[in-house]
Protein backbone atom coordinates (compact mmCIF):
# COMPACT_ATOMS: atom_id res chain seq x y z
CA MET A 1 5.24 31.62 -1.29
CA LYS A 2 4.94 27.95 -2.16
CA SER A 3 2.65 25.63 -0.25
CA LEU A 4 4.21 23.86 2.70
CA SER A 5 5.69 20.43 2.12
CA LYS A 6 4.40 17.33 3.88
CA TRP A 7 7.30 17.21 6.33
CA THR A 8 7.09 20.93 7.08
CA GLN A 9 3.43 20.54 8.03
CA LEU A 10 4.20 17.55 10.23
CA VAL A 11 7.07 19.36 11.95
CA ILE A 12 4.85 22.38 12.63
CA LEU A 13 2.11 20.17 14.07
CA ALA A 14 4.48 18.11 16.22
CA ALA A 15 6.30 21.23 17.45
CA LEU A 16 3.04 22.86 18.53
CA ILE A 17 1.99 19.73 20.42
CA VAL A 18 5.33 19.60 22.25
CA VAL A 19 5.64 23.34 23.00
CA LEU A 20 2.08 24.21 24.07
CA PRO A 21 2.21 22.47 27.50
CA PHE A 22 4.89 24.95 28.60
CA PHE A 23 2.19 27.64 28.47
CA PHE A 24 -0.58 25.69 30.25
CA PRO A 25 -1.54 27.42 33.52
CA SER A 26 -3.14 24.26 34.95
CA GLY A 27 -3.64 20.56 34.29
CA TYR A 28 -7.14 21.23 32.94
CA TYR A 29 -5.65 22.42 29.66
CA TYR A 30 -4.12 19.00 29.02
CA ARG A 31 -7.66 17.60 28.87
CA VAL A 32 -8.78 20.37 26.53
CA GLY A 33 -5.75 19.74 24.32
CA ALA A 34 -6.50 16.02 24.17
CA LEU A 35 -10.11 16.78 23.18
CA ILE A 36 -8.86 19.07 20.40
CA PHE A 37 -6.55 16.32 19.09
CA VAL A 38 -9.37 13.76 19.06
CA ASN A 39 -11.69 16.14 17.21
CA ALA A 40 -8.92 17.02 14.75
CA LEU A 41 -8.28 13.33 14.03
CA ALA A 42 -11.94 12.78 13.13
CA VAL A 43 -11.99 15.95 11.00
CA ILE A 44 -8.89 14.82 9.05
CA GLY A 45 -10.95 11.83 8.00
CA LEU A 46 -13.64 14.18 6.70
CA VAL A 47 -11.00 16.23 4.88
CA ILE A 48 -10.03 13.05 3.02
CA LEU A 49 -13.65 12.38 2.11
CA ILE A 50 -14.86 15.91 1.37
CA GLY A 51 -11.68 17.83 0.56
CA PHE A 52 -9.79 15.16 -1.37
CA ALA A 53 -12.57 13.10 -2.97
CA GLY A 54 -15.39 15.69 -3.06
CA GLN A 55 -17.97 13.50 -1.31
CA ILE A 56 -20.18 14.66 1.56
CA SER A 57 -21.20 12.88 4.76
CA LEU A 58 -23.62 14.22 7.36
CA GLY A 59 -23.66 11.08 9.47
CA HIS A 60 -20.00 10.45 10.17
CA ALA A 61 -20.52 10.60 13.92
CA GLY A 62 -22.13 7.17 13.52
CA PHE A 63 -18.67 5.70 12.94
CA ALA A 64 -17.35 7.57 15.99
CA GLY A 65 -20.15 5.89 17.92
CA ILE A 66 -19.11 2.46 16.63
CA GLY A 67 -15.54 3.03 17.79
CA ALA A 68 -16.61 4.40 21.17
CA TYR A 69 -19.03 1.59 21.96
CA ALA A 70 -16.56 -1.02 20.73
CA CYS A 71 -14.23 0.12 23.52
CA ALA A 72 -17.12 -0.03 25.98
CA LEU A 73 -18.73 -3.32 24.96
CA ALA A 74 -15.80 -5.51 23.90
CA PRO A 75 -14.00 -5.41 27.29
CA ALA A 76 -17.28 -5.70 29.25
CA GLN A 77 -18.82 -8.51 27.18
CA PHE A 78 -15.80 -10.47 25.96
CA GLY A 79 -12.92 -9.42 28.20
CA ILE A 80 -10.99 -7.92 25.27
CA HIS A 81 -8.28 -5.39 26.11
CA PRO A 82 -9.46 -1.82 25.35
CA ALA A 83 -6.52 -1.22 22.98
CA LEU A 84 -7.54 -4.26 20.93
CA ALA A 85 -11.16 -3.10 21.13
CA LEU A 86 -10.07 0.16 19.48
CA VAL A 87 -8.57 -1.81 16.59
CA LEU A 88 -11.66 -4.02 16.32
CA GLY A 89 -13.90 -0.94 16.32
CA ALA A 90 -11.88 0.60 13.50
CA ALA A 91 -12.06 -2.65 11.51
CA LEU A 92 -15.81 -2.93 12.09
CA SER A 93 -16.31 0.68 11.01
CA GLY A 94 -14.31 0.02 7.86
CA VAL A 95 -16.39 -3.06 7.02
CA ILE A 96 -19.69 -1.26 7.63
CA ALA A 97 -18.51 1.72 5.58
CA ALA A 98 -17.58 -0.63 2.73
CA LEU A 99 -20.99 -2.33 2.87
CA ILE A 100 -23.14 0.80 3.01
CA GLY A 101 -20.79 2.86 0.85
CA ARG A 102 -21.40 0.86 -2.32
CA PRO A 103 -25.08 1.81 -2.67
CA ILE A 104 -24.88 5.20 -0.94
CA LEU A 105 -21.98 6.56 -2.98
CA ARG A 106 -23.91 6.09 -6.20
CA LEU A 107 -25.86 9.16 -5.09
CA LYS A 108 -24.68 12.72 -5.61
CA GLY A 109 -25.13 16.11 -4.01
CA TYR A 110 -27.77 16.53 -1.34
CA TYR A 111 -29.09 13.00 -2.04
CA LEU A 112 -25.77 11.66 -0.78
CA GLY A 113 -25.90 14.00 2.21
CA VAL A 114 -29.38 12.80 3.17
CA ALA A 115 -28.38 9.13 2.77
CA THR A 116 -25.34 9.52 5.05
CA LEU A 117 -27.49 11.50 7.49
CA GLY A 118 -29.86 8.55 7.62
CA PHE A 119 -27.01 6.22 8.57
CA GLY A 120 -25.95 8.51 11.41
CA ILE A 121 -29.50 8.79 12.74
CA LEU A 122 -29.92 5.01 12.52
CA MET A 123 -26.74 4.42 14.55
CA ALA A 124 -27.82 6.90 17.21
CA MET A 125 -31.24 5.21 17.44
CA VAL A 126 -29.72 1.75 17.82
CA LEU A 127 -27.36 2.90 20.57
CA THR A 128 -30.23 4.68 22.35
CA ASN A 129 -32.84 1.92 22.12
CA GLU A 130 -30.69 -1.15 22.89
CA ARG A 131 -30.77 -0.45 26.62
CA ALA A 132 -29.82 -3.95 27.71
CA LEU A 133 -26.60 -3.79 25.73
CA THR A 134 -25.61 -0.12 25.55
CA GLY A 135 -27.30 1.33 28.63
CA GLY A 136 -29.62 3.41 26.47
CA PRO A 137 -29.63 7.21 26.81
CA ASP A 138 -27.80 6.95 30.15
CA GLY A 139 -24.75 5.46 28.46
CA MET A 140 -22.22 3.08 29.97
CA GLU A 141 -18.80 3.02 31.56
CA VAL A 142 -15.64 2.28 29.60
CA ALA A 143 -12.79 0.14 30.93
CA LYS A 144 -9.40 1.66 31.71
CA LEU A 145 -6.85 1.52 28.93
CA GLY A 146 -4.14 0.41 31.37
CA LEU A 147 -1.20 2.01 29.59
CA ARG A 148 -0.78 4.70 32.21
CA SER A 149 -0.41 2.07 34.92
CA ALA A 150 2.20 0.29 32.80
CA LEU A 151 4.14 3.55 32.43
CA ARG A 152 3.96 4.12 36.18
CA SER A 153 5.41 0.66 36.81
CA MET A 154 8.33 1.61 34.55
CA GLY A 155 8.99 4.71 36.62
CA TRP A 156 7.32 7.22 34.29
CA ARG A 157 4.93 9.25 36.43
CA VAL A 158 2.43 11.30 34.46
CA SER A 159 -0.96 12.71 35.35
CA GLY A 160 -4.09 11.53 33.58
CA GLY A 161 -4.30 14.76 31.61
CA GLU A 162 -0.66 14.61 30.53
CA PHE A 163 -1.00 10.97 29.46
CA TRP A 164 -4.05 11.58 27.28
CA TYR A 165 -2.56 14.74 25.85
CA ALA A 166 0.53 12.81 24.75
CA LEU A 167 -1.36 9.77 23.48
CA CYS A 168 -3.94 11.76 21.49
CA GLY A 169 -1.18 14.05 20.20
CA ILE A 170 0.76 11.08 18.88
CA ALA A 171 -2.41 9.66 17.29
CA LEU A 172 -3.04 13.02 15.61
CA VAL A 173 0.48 13.26 14.18
CA ILE A 174 0.22 9.70 12.84
CA GLY A 175 -3.20 10.46 11.34
CA ALA A 176 -1.90 13.65 9.72
CA TRP A 177 1.15 11.81 8.35
CA LEU A 178 -1.03 9.11 6.80
CA ALA A 179 -3.37 11.70 5.27
CA LEU A 180 -0.52 13.74 3.81
CA ASN A 181 1.06 10.58 2.38
CA LEU A 182 -2.30 9.69 0.86
CA TYR A 183 -2.60 13.17 -0.66
CA ASP A 184 0.76 12.85 -2.43
CA GLY A 185 0.24 9.23 -3.51
CA PRO A 186 -1.55 7.77 -6.55
CA THR A 187 -4.80 7.22 -4.63
CA GLY A 188 -4.78 10.80 -3.39
CA ARG A 189 -4.19 12.13 -6.88
CA ALA A 190 -7.08 10.01 -8.13
CA MET A 191 -9.30 11.39 -5.35
CA ARG A 192 -8.41 14.96 -6.29
CA ALA A 193 -9.11 14.23 -9.95
CA LEU A 194 -12.47 12.82 -8.93
CA HIS A 195 -13.14 15.97 -6.89
CA GLY A 196 -12.42 18.11 -9.94
CA SER A 197 -14.67 16.18 -12.33
CA GLU A 198 -16.07 12.66 -12.22
CA VAL A 199 -16.42 12.61 -15.99
CA ALA A 200 -12.82 13.67 -16.56
CA ALA A 201 -11.57 11.20 -13.93
CA ARG A 202 -13.46 8.36 -15.57
CA THR A 203 -12.15 9.41 -18.98
CA VAL A 204 -8.51 9.02 -17.90
CA GLY A 205 -9.18 5.52 -16.54
CA ILE A 206 -9.86 6.15 -12.84
CA ASP A 207 -12.23 3.67 -11.21
CA VAL A 208 -14.55 6.29 -9.75
CA ALA A 209 -16.66 3.91 -7.65
CA ARG A 210 -13.58 2.30 -6.08
CA ILE A 211 -11.92 5.63 -5.24
CA LYS A 212 -15.13 6.97 -3.68
CA LEU A 213 -15.44 3.84 -1.57
CA GLN A 214 -11.80 4.00 -0.47
CA ALA A 215 -12.23 7.60 0.69
CA PHE A 216 -15.41 6.70 2.58
CA VAL A 217 -13.82 3.71 4.32
CA ILE A 218 -10.66 5.59 5.27
CA SER A 219 -12.63 8.50 6.71
CA ALA A 220 -14.83 6.08 8.66
CA VAL A 221 -11.75 4.48 10.25
CA TYR A 222 -10.46 7.92 11.28
CA ALA A 223 -13.81 8.73 12.92
CA SER A 224 -13.90 5.36 14.68
CA VAL A 225 -10.42 5.75 16.17
CA ALA A 226 -11.30 9.27 17.33
CA GLY A 227 -14.49 7.98 18.96
CA SER A 228 -12.56 5.20 20.70
CA LEU A 229 -9.97 7.62 22.07
CA LEU A 230 -12.68 9.94 23.34
CA ALA A 231 -14.51 7.11 25.08
CA LEU A 232 -11.31 5.75 26.66
CA GLN A 233 -10.32 9.21 27.85
CA ASN A 234 -13.71 10.03 29.39
CA ARG A 235 -14.21 6.48 30.75
CA PHE A 236 -17.86 6.90 29.80
CA VAL A 237 -19.88 7.03 26.58
CA THR A 238 -23.45 7.98 25.62
CA PRO A 239 -25.35 7.80 22.31
CA ASP A 240 -24.73 11.53 21.84
CA ILE A 241 -21.35 10.66 20.36
CA ALA A 242 -23.19 9.25 17.32
CA GLY A 243 -25.77 12.05 17.23
CA PHE A 244 -26.64 14.39 14.39
CA MET A 245 -25.15 17.44 16.10
CA HIS A 246 -21.80 15.72 16.50
CA SER A 247 -21.76 15.00 12.75
CA ILE A 248 -22.56 18.64 11.99
CA GLU A 249 -19.80 19.78 14.37
CA MET A 250 -17.29 17.61 12.53
CA VAL A 251 -18.30 18.96 9.11
CA THR A 252 -18.26 22.51 10.45
CA MET A 253 -14.73 22.06 11.81
CA ALA A 254 -13.58 20.81 8.41
CA VAL A 255 -15.20 23.67 6.49
CA LEU A 256 -14.11 26.31 9.01
CA GLY A 257 -10.42 25.42 8.91
CA GLY A 258 -10.29 24.62 5.20
CA VAL A 259 -11.87 21.47 3.87
CA GLY A 260 -8.96 20.56 1.61
CA SER A 261 -6.21 21.07 4.20
CA VAL A 262 -4.93 18.68 6.87
CA LEU A 263 -3.59 21.54 8.99
CA GLY A 264 -6.87 23.34 8.29
CA ALA A 265 -8.69 20.43 9.91
CA VAL A 266 -6.57 20.90 13.03
CA LEU A 267 -7.21 24.65 13.04
CA GLY A 268 -10.95 24.13 12.66
CA ALA A 269 -10.94 21.65 15.55
CA VAL A 270 -8.97 24.08 17.71
CA ILE A 271 -11.37 26.97 17.09
CA LEU A 272 -14.64 25.07 17.39
CA THR A 273 -13.46 23.20 20.51
CA LEU A 274 -12.15 26.32 22.28
CA LEU A 275 -14.82 28.79 21.19
CA PRO A 276 -17.63 27.31 23.35
CA GLN A 277 -15.23 27.44 26.32
CA VAL A 278 -14.63 31.14 25.69
CA LEU A 279 -18.26 31.94 24.97
CA THR A 280 -19.51 30.60 28.31
CA VAL A 281 -19.34 34.20 29.55
CA PHE A 282 -22.27 34.95 27.22
CA ALA A 283 -24.38 32.29 28.97
CA GLU A 284 -27.64 31.85 27.01
CA TYR A 285 -26.25 33.80 24.02
CA GLU A 286 -23.42 31.32 23.46
CA GLN A 287 -25.02 29.52 20.51
CA LEU A 288 -26.07 32.84 18.93
CA VAL A 289 -22.54 34.24 19.06
CA LEU A 290 -21.04 30.99 17.81
CA GLY A 291 -23.45 30.96 14.85
CA ALA A 292 -22.65 34.59 14.04
CA VAL A 293 -18.92 33.86 14.03
CA MET A 294 -19.46 30.94 11.66
CA ILE A 295 -21.58 33.03 9.28
CA LEU A 296 -18.98 35.79 9.15
CA VAL A 297 -16.19 33.32 8.43
CA MET A 298 -18.15 31.67 5.63
CA ILE A 299 -19.02 35.05 4.07
CA PHE A 300 -15.57 36.61 4.16
CA LEU A 301 -13.37 33.47 4.09
CA PRO A 302 -15.41 30.96 2.05
CA GLN A 303 -12.46 28.61 1.45
CA GLY A 304 -11.82 28.27 5.16
CA LEU A 305 -9.44 30.04 7.50
CA LEU A 306 -6.12 28.40 6.71
CA PRO A 307 -6.32 28.45 2.88
CA SER A 308 -7.54 32.06 2.96
CA ILE A 309 -4.73 33.14 5.28
CA ALA A 310 -2.16 31.28 3.16
CA ARG A 311 -3.47 32.92 -0.02
CA LYS A 312 -3.19 36.39 1.54
CA ILE A 313 0.39 35.66 2.64
CA ARG A 314 1.30 34.41 -0.85
CA GLY A 315 -0.24 37.56 -2.35
CA ARG A 316 1.90 39.77 -0.14
CA GLY A 317 4.99 37.70 -0.92
CA GLU A 318 4.50 38.20 -4.62
């Protein structure tokens, strides 16, 4: 069985987003779905960086923090509309990624991981310590987006959960479409060549430093937009969004679903977002069970869930 085409993957993703609400027993599940979509959007950015270009980042939540606090600070300090603040946060994240990416991406392996980890820790410290501006550990409120009120004035009545489910779902489909287009384009092919071998990529004329930086900047923008959407949905943000554990969760989602697959990123986000909800019945053993599940998956399905499942299906088809 051949791998799914770009449009087939997009149709599957869009169809699932549209059909799932018919099975929701309550409005609470719209909020959970929106959270899954936001997480998946951030993880797609990591798939571009890790899966396409073969570079690692353990501090990517720092860019999510930039996007989230842009939506909190820009409206409060400068009266900027939250939607424009989202765009400004993404642009700022891209600029910062470009500035720090040049020296950091010269490193390889765990040196690169430690360097990106340092950036994430630094962002979390800044957001925590600048109490006068960010509210410190207590966080700060985020202004309303206002689009729901505009829809209501046009006669479209939707609940808050339904609105954020639809908006985050649309953002996810757009993000997946852009990533799949990138994968099939010249830049994506250069990233995959770089992932295979830097020496070989350089030999055939690929500007390795530029491709690495492009992947880093693109993934940072994805994380920033996801952070902005999360902050706007929750109407509140704390420095935890830029914390180390959030970065590890993002990487884990990418690896769990399949680090080279866009749909794998979505699957990883679904599992790791829903699993803690299910494991609440285990109370204090929740983290232990979650860790055990992750270990088993990595042992028996080292390439991630979706690629492993697809390979088994192809094997049966042949």
